[in-house]
C-alpha atoms as a PDB file:
ATOM      1  CA  UNK A   1      -3.986 -12.545   7.234  1.00  0.00           C
ATOM      2  CA  UNK A   2      -6.984 -10.401   6.360  1.00  0.00           C
ATOM      3  CA  UNK A   3      -7.130  -6.875   5.035  1.00  0.00           C
ATOM      4  CA  UNK A   4      -8.180  -5.493   8.429  1.00  0.00           C
ATOM      5  CA  UNK A   5      -5.176  -7.059  10.118  1.00  0.00           C
ATOM      6  CA  UNK A   6      -2.876  -5.743   7.383  1.00  0.00           C
ATOM      7  CA  UNK A   7      -4.295  -2.228   7.896  1.00  0.00           C
ATOM      8  CA  UNK A   8      -3.578  -2.296  11.639  1.00  0.00           C
ATOM      9  CA  UNK A   9      -0.204  -4.021  11.335  1.00  0.00           C
ATOM     10  CA  UNK A  10       0.963  -1.227   9.002  1.00  0.00           C
ATOM     11  CA  UNK A  11       0.512   1.286  11.842  1.00  0.00           C
ATOM     12  CA  UNK A  12       2.970  -0.556  14.134  1.00  0.00           C
ATOM     13  CA  UNK A  13       5.712  -2.261  12.166  1.00  0.00           C
ATOM     14  CA  UNK A  14       7.514   0.451  10.218  1.00  0.00           C
ATOM     15  CA  UNK A  15       9.547   3.465  11.236  1.00  0.00           C
ATOM     16  CA  UNK A  16       7.830   5.995  13.501  1.00  0.00           C
ATOM     17  CA  UNK A  17       7.298   8.232  10.473  1.00  0.00           C
ATOM     18  CA  UNK A  18       5.822   5.394   8.395  1.00  0.00           C
ATOM     19  CA  UNK A  19       3.601   4.266  11.257  1.00  0.00           C
ATOM     20  CA  UNK A  20       2.300   7.788  11.780  1.00  0.00           C
ATOM     21  CA  UNK A  21       1.665   8.326   8.083  1.00  0.00           C
ATOM     22  CA  UNK A  22      -0.091   4.958   7.827  1.00  0.00           C
ATOM     23  CA  UNK A  23      -2.210   5.686  10.904  1.00  0.00           C
ATOM     24  CA  UNK A  24      -3.387   9.056   9.590  1.00  0.00           C
ATOM     25  CA  UNK A  25      -4.279   7.448   6.258  1.00  0.00           C
ATOM     26  CA  UNK A  26      -6.103   4.568   8.014  1.00  0.00           C
ATOM     27  CA  UNK A  27      -8.275   6.661  10.351  1.00  0.00           C
ATOM     28  CA  UNK A  28     -11.888   7.301   9.389  1.00  0.00           C
ATOM     29  CA  UNK A  29     -12.681  11.044   9.566  1.00  0.00           C
ATOM     30  CA  UNK A  30     -14.912  10.452  12.617  1.00  0.00           C
ATOM     31  CA  UNK A  31     -12.784   7.755  14.250  1.00  0.00           C
ATOM     32  CA  UNK A  32     -12.918   7.467  18.027  1.00  0.00           C
ATOM     33  CA  UNK A  33      -9.755   6.752  20.004  1.00  0.00           C
ATOM     34  CA  UNK A  34     -10.184   5.858  23.678  1.00  0.00           C
ATOM     35  CA  UNK A  35      -7.202   6.012  26.005  1.00  0.00           C
ATOM     36  CA  UNK A  36      -7.692   3.999  29.210  1.00  0.00           C
ATOM     37  CA  UNK A  37      -8.841   5.492  32.477  1.00  0.00           C
ATOM     38  CA  UNK A  38      -5.798   6.133  34.655  1.00  0.00           C
ATOM     39  CA  UNK A  39      -3.539   6.631  31.605  1.00  0.00           C
ATOM     40  CA  UNK A  40      -1.981  10.132  31.304  1.00  0.00           C
ATOM     41  CA  UNK A  41      -4.007  10.881  28.152  1.00  0.00           C
ATOM     42  CA  UNK A  42      -7.247   9.216  29.334  1.00  0.00           C
ATOM     43  CA  UNK A  43     -10.409  10.002  27.440  1.00  0.00           C
ATOM     44  CA  UNK A  44     -11.985   9.590  24.043  1.00  0.00           C
ATOM     45  CA  UNK A  45     -10.728  11.644  21.116  1.00  0.00           C
ATOM     46  CA  UNK A  46     -12.850  12.019  17.981  1.00  0.00           C
ATOM     47  CA  UNK A  47     -11.382  12.704  14.555  1.00  0.00           C
ATOM     48  CA  UNK A  48      -7.845  12.641  13.217  1.00  0.00           C
ATOM     49  CA  UNK A  49      -6.816  16.098  14.455  1.00  0.00           C
ATOM     50  CA  UNK A  50      -7.988  15.436  18.029  1.00  0.00           C
ATOM     51  CA  UNK A  51      -6.324  12.000  18.077  1.00  0.00           C
ATOM     52  CA  UNK A  52      -2.994  13.317  16.818  1.00  0.00           C
ATOM     53  CA  UNK A  53      -2.988  16.371  19.122  1.00  0.00           C
ATOM     54  CA  UNK A  54      -4.356  14.636  22.218  1.00  0.00           C
ATOM     55  CA  UNK A  55      -2.283  11.473  22.043  1.00  0.00           C
ATOM     56  CA  UNK A  56       0.505  11.236  19.495  1.00  0.00           C
ATOM     57  CA  UNK A  57       1.871  14.777  19.685  1.00  0.00           C
ATOM     58  CA  UNK A  58       2.035  14.440  23.456  1.00  0.00           C
ATOM     59  CA  UNK A  59       3.784  11.063  23.260  1.00  0.00           C
ATOM     60  CA  UNK A  60       6.334  12.551  20.849  1.00  0.00           C
ATOM     61  CA  UNK A  61       7.043  15.630  22.967  1.00  0.00           C
ATOM     62  CA  UNK A  62       6.690  14.389  26.563  1.00  0.00           C
ATOM     63  CA  UNK A  63       8.689  11.151  26.286  1.00  0.00           C
ATOM     64  CA  UNK A  64      12.207  10.117  25.280  1.00  0.00           C
ATOM     65  CA  UNK A  65      12.471   6.931  23.266  1.00  0.00           C
ATOM     66  CA  UNK A  66       8.775   6.100  23.567  1.00  0.00           C
ATOM     67  CA  UNK A  67       8.087   2.882  21.700  1.00  0.00           C
ATOM     68  CA  UNK A  68       5.254   0.474  21.083  1.00  0.00           C
ATOM     69  CA  UNK A  69       6.157  -3.153  20.366  1.00  0.00           C
ATOM     70  CA  UNK A  70       3.418  -5.581  19.368  1.00  0.00           C
ATOM     71  CA  UNK A  71       3.986  -9.288  19.967  1.00  0.00           C
ATOM     72  CA  UNK A  72       0.538 -10.646  19.004  1.00  0.00           C
ATOM     73  CA  UNK A  73      -2.297  -9.706  16.654  1.00  0.00           C
ATOM     74  CA  UNK A  74      -5.740 -11.300  16.555  1.00  0.00           C
ATOM     75  CA  UNK A  75      -8.380 -10.683  13.900  1.00  0.00           C
ATOM     76  CA  UNK A  76     -12.078 -11.500  14.163  1.00  0.00           C
ATOM     77  CA  UNK A  77     -14.127 -10.005  11.344  1.00  0.00           C
ATOM     78  CA  UNK A  78     -14.132  -6.226  11.724  1.00  0.00           C
ATOM     79  CA  UNK A  79     -12.167  -6.402  15.009  1.00  0.00           C
ATOM     80  CA  UNK A  80      -8.397  -6.506  15.319  1.00  0.00           C
ATOM     81  CA  UNK A  81      -6.543  -6.723  18.625  1.00  0.00           C
ATOM     82  CA  UNK A  82      -2.871  -5.862  19.105  1.00  0.00           C
ATOM     83  CA  UNK A  83      -1.036  -6.940  22.270  1.00  0.00           C
ATOM     84  CA  UNK A  84       2.379  -5.701  23.318  1.00  0.00           C
ATOM     85  CA  UNK A  85       4.482  -3.389  25.474  1.00  0.00           C
ATOM     86  CA  UNK A  86       5.017   0.351  25.744  1.00  0.00           C
ATOM     87  CA  UNK A  87       8.366   1.674  26.923  1.00  0.00           C
ATOM     88  CA  UNK A  88       9.995   5.059  27.283  1.00  0.00           C
ATOM     89  CA  UNK A  89      11.359   7.681  29.645  1.00  0.00           C
ATOM     90  CA  UNK A  90       9.187  10.564  30.791  1.00  0.00           C
ATOM     91  CA  UNK A  91      11.115  13.793  30.129  1.00  0.00           C
ATOM     92  CA  UNK A  92       9.887  15.734  33.157  1.00  0.00           C
ATOM     93  CA  UNK A  93      10.985  13.103  35.690  1.00  0.00           C
ATOM     94  CA  UNK A  94      13.659  11.104  33.874  1.00  0.00           C
ATOM     95  CA  UNK A  95      11.876   7.909  34.958  1.00  0.00           C
ATOM     96  CA  UNK A  96      11.470   4.978  32.588  1.00  0.00           C
ATOM     97  CA  UNK A  97       8.628   2.501  32.274  1.00  0.00           C
ATOM     98  CA  UNK A  98       7.602  -0.651  30.473  1.00  0.00           C
ATOM     99  CA  UNK A  99       3.906  -1.540  30.517  1.00  0.00           C
ATOM    100  CA  UNK A 100       1.807  -4.159  28.767  1.00  0.00           C
ATOM    101  CA  UNK A 101      -1.118  -3.079  26.589  1.00  0.00           C
ATOM    102  CA  UNK A 102      -3.933  -4.322  24.389  1.00  0.00           C
ATOM    103  CA  UNK A 103      -5.521  -2.240  21.632  1.00  0.00           C
ATOM    104  CA  UNK A 104      -8.886  -3.269  20.241  1.00  0.00           C
ATOM    105  CA  UNK A 105      -9.712  -1.806  16.839  1.00  0.00           C
ATOM    106  CA  UNK A 106     -12.927  -1.824  14.857  1.00  0.00           C
ATOM    107  CA  UNK A 107     -12.491  -1.426  11.117  1.00  0.00           C
ATOM    108  CA  UNK A 108     -15.289  -0.236   8.849  1.00  0.00           C
ATOM    109  CA  UNK A 109     -15.074   0.232   5.074  1.00  0.00           C
ATOM    110  CA  UNK A 110     -11.291  -0.199   5.157  1.00  0.00           C
ATOM    111  CA  UNK A 111     -10.743   2.520   7.796  1.00  0.00           C
ATOM    112  CA  UNK A 112     -10.187   2.501  11.548  1.00  0.00           C
ATOM    113  CA  UNK A 113     -13.538   3.416  13.085  1.00  0.00           C
ATOM    114  CA  UNK A 114     -12.449   3.028  16.710  1.00  0.00           C
ATOM    115  CA  UNK A 115      -9.647   2.005  19.034  1.00  0.00           C
ATOM    116  CA  UNK A 116      -9.906   1.208  22.728  1.00  0.00           C
ATOM    117  CA  UNK A 117      -6.746   0.955  24.842  1.00  0.00           C
ATOM    118  CA  UNK A 118      -6.267  -1.419  27.772  1.00  0.00           C
ATOM    119  CA  UNK A 119      -3.029  -0.839  29.687  1.00  0.00           C
ATOM    120  CA  UNK A 120      -1.316  -1.295  33.019  1.00  0.00           C
ATOM    121  CA  UNK A 121      -1.604   2.435  33.629  1.00  0.00           C
ATOM    122  CA  UNK A 122      -0.100   2.200  37.114  1.00  0.00           C
ATOM    123  CA  UNK A 123       3.322   1.399  35.634  1.00  0.00           C
ATOM    124  CA  UNK A 124       3.015   4.324  33.237  1.00  0.00           C
ATOM    125  CA  UNK A 125       1.889   6.752  35.940  1.00  0.00           C
ATOM    126  CA  UNK A 126       4.844   5.794  38.167  1.00  0.00           C
ATOM    127  CA  UNK A 127       7.132   7.292  35.502  1.00  0.00           C
ATOM    128  CA  UNK A 128       5.268  10.611  35.792  1.00  0.00           C
ATOM    129  CA  UNK A 129       5.639  10.870  39.579  1.00  0.00           C
ATOM    130  CA  UNK A 130       8.482  12.814  41.143  1.00  0.00           C
END
């Protein structure tokens, strides 16, 4: 395992609080975070504050039991990929979902420079529909 993989793994494998704390510490100040087209939070967020407000605060407040489980990591130089499943229940509809995802990170100088999400957004969006 390389240092880049260790950095990314630390943002997934602890408690929610530990993962969040580790993510904030791992993000470069100008990090870009791209949520997939068709996903409820689609778009690119730049910087820690925008990433937390645009993605993680919303996940924490709009979902019940939202979780991210990684089953596979791959590291290739400055790139780390995490593959797994999202699950949770959307508060507004009471509908649950499980959807597969891939996250592709680029690490620079020991910090996350970018993340791009690939997800079966259709399964997620079904939970949002009344």
